[in-house]
Amino acid sequence: MEIVKTQTGDTVTLAVSGKLSAATAGELEVAVTDSIAASNKLVMDLKEVSYLASAGLRVLISTQKKLSARHGSFTLRNVCESVREVFEITGLDDVFDIQ
């Protein structure tokens, strides 16, 4: 997995590529923690994510909860069809702002 972080104004964007699995969830969690320490607005670009496991979902749900508690925003962008299906099956497509 690769994560590229950029900041435009007060919005931090994490472009993630590869697989979000148990093996990579910790790396994503560190990147998210660093990002939300700097901003209440986080965008995660999932265009290049080919696989999303439950460990990856856990990080995304945790991020949503943390930013919600701080009245921040968390947006998922460019979600491919196979990953979007995971959100739909779990009902999490109603929880996240998916664009």
Protein backbone atom coordinates (compact mmCIF):
# COMPACT_ATOMS: atom_id res chain seq x y z
CA MET A 1 0.00 0.00 0.00
CA GLU A 2 1.11 3.54 -0.71
CA ILE A 3 -0.26 6.74 0.83
CA VAL A 4 0.40 10.19 -0.61
CA LYS A 5 -0.57 13.12 1.63
CA THR A 6 -1.29 16.61 0.30
CA GLN A 7 -2.80 19.66 1.94
CA THR A 8 -4.75 22.39 0.20
CA GLY A 9 -5.86 25.13 2.55
CA ASP A 10 -7.41 23.46 5.57
CA THR A 11 -8.15 20.15 3.80
CA VAL A 12 -5.81 17.17 3.97
CA THR A 13 -6.08 14.59 1.19
CA LEU A 14 -4.73 11.07 1.48
CA ALA A 15 -4.43 9.27 -1.87
CA VAL A 16 -4.29 5.58 -1.07
CA SER A 17 -3.29 2.82 -3.47
CA GLY A 18 -3.08 -0.93 -3.11
CA LYS A 19 -4.90 -3.17 -0.67
CA LEU A 20 -6.40 -2.07 2.66
CA SER A 21 -6.00 -5.24 4.68
CA ALA A 22 -4.91 -6.33 8.14
CA ALA A 23 -1.32 -6.05 6.96
CA THR A 24 -1.69 -2.38 5.90
CA ALA A 25 -4.36 -1.01 8.23
CA GLY A 26 -1.80 0.12 10.82
CA GLU A 27 0.03 2.22 8.26
CA LEU A 28 -3.23 3.87 7.22
CA GLU A 29 -4.16 4.51 10.84
CA VAL A 30 -0.85 6.32 11.45
CA ALA A 31 -1.36 8.47 8.33
CA VAL A 32 -4.92 9.32 9.40
CA THR A 33 -3.86 10.19 12.96
CA ASP A 34 -1.16 12.54 11.66
CA SER A 35 -3.60 14.10 9.19
CA ILE A 36 -6.43 14.79 11.60
CA ALA A 37 -3.97 16.29 14.07
CA ALA A 38 -3.36 18.94 11.38
CA SER A 39 -6.92 19.42 10.11
CA ASN A 40 -10.60 18.72 10.75
CA LYS A 41 -11.19 18.17 7.03
CA LEU A 42 -9.97 14.90 5.56
CA VAL A 43 -10.47 13.56 2.06
CA MET A 44 -9.42 10.02 1.26
CA ASP A 45 -8.97 9.26 -2.43
CA LEU A 46 -9.51 5.52 -2.93
CA LYS A 47 -9.18 5.49 -6.73
CA GLU A 48 -6.24 3.08 -6.64
CA VAL A 49 -7.52 0.84 -3.82
CA SER A 50 -8.25 -2.61 -5.21
CA TYR A 51 -9.29 -4.40 -2.01
CA LEU A 52 -10.89 -3.39 1.28
CA ALA A 53 -10.88 -5.83 4.22
CA SER A 54 -12.54 -5.49 7.60
CA ALA A 55 -9.35 -4.08 9.15
CA GLY A 56 -9.40 -1.28 6.60
CA LEU A 57 -13.09 -0.64 7.31
CA ARG A 58 -12.27 -0.39 11.01
CA VAL A 59 -9.79 2.41 10.32
CA LEU A 60 -12.31 4.25 8.15
CA ILE A 61 -15.08 3.92 10.75
CA SER A 62 -12.74 5.08 13.52
CA THR A 63 -11.72 8.09 11.41
CA GLN A 64 -15.37 8.98 10.78
CA LYS A 65 -16.14 8.81 14.51
CA LYS A 66 -13.14 10.94 15.50
CA LEU A 67 -13.86 13.65 12.95
CA SER A 68 -17.59 13.62 13.73
CA ALA A 69 -16.86 14.16 17.42
CA ARG A 70 -14.75 17.19 16.45
CA HIS A 71 -17.41 18.50 14.02
CA GLY A 72 -15.01 17.83 11.15
CA SER A 73 -15.60 16.29 7.76
CA PHE A 74 -14.46 13.04 6.20
CA THR A 75 -15.02 12.38 2.51
CA LEU A 76 -14.22 9.29 0.45
CA ARG A 77 -13.58 9.98 -3.23
CA ASN A 78 -13.12 7.94 -6.39
CA VAL A 79 -14.27 4.67 -4.85
CA CYS A 80 -14.01 1.84 -7.40
CA GLU A 81 -16.97 -0.48 -7.93
CA SER A 82 -15.59 -3.45 -5.97
CA VAL A 83 -14.80 -1.30 -2.93
CA ARG A 84 -18.12 0.57 -3.20
CA GLU A 85 -19.83 -2.81 -3.08
CA VAL A 86 -18.24 -3.47 0.33
CA PHE A 87 -19.76 -0.22 1.63
CA GLU A 88 -23.17 -1.11 0.18
CA ILE A 89 -23.19 -4.68 1.56
CA THR A 90 -22.24 -3.49 5.04
CA GLY A 91 -24.66 -0.55 4.95
CA LEU A 92 -21.79 1.87 5.44
CA ASP A 93 -22.60 3.74 2.25
CA ASP A 94 -25.12 5.64 4.39
CA VAL A 95 -22.49 6.43 7.04
CA PHE A 96 -19.76 7.87 4.83
CA ASP A 97 -19.77 10.85 2.49
CA ILE A 98 -18.83 9.00 -0.70
CA GLN A 99 -18.25 11.12 -3.79
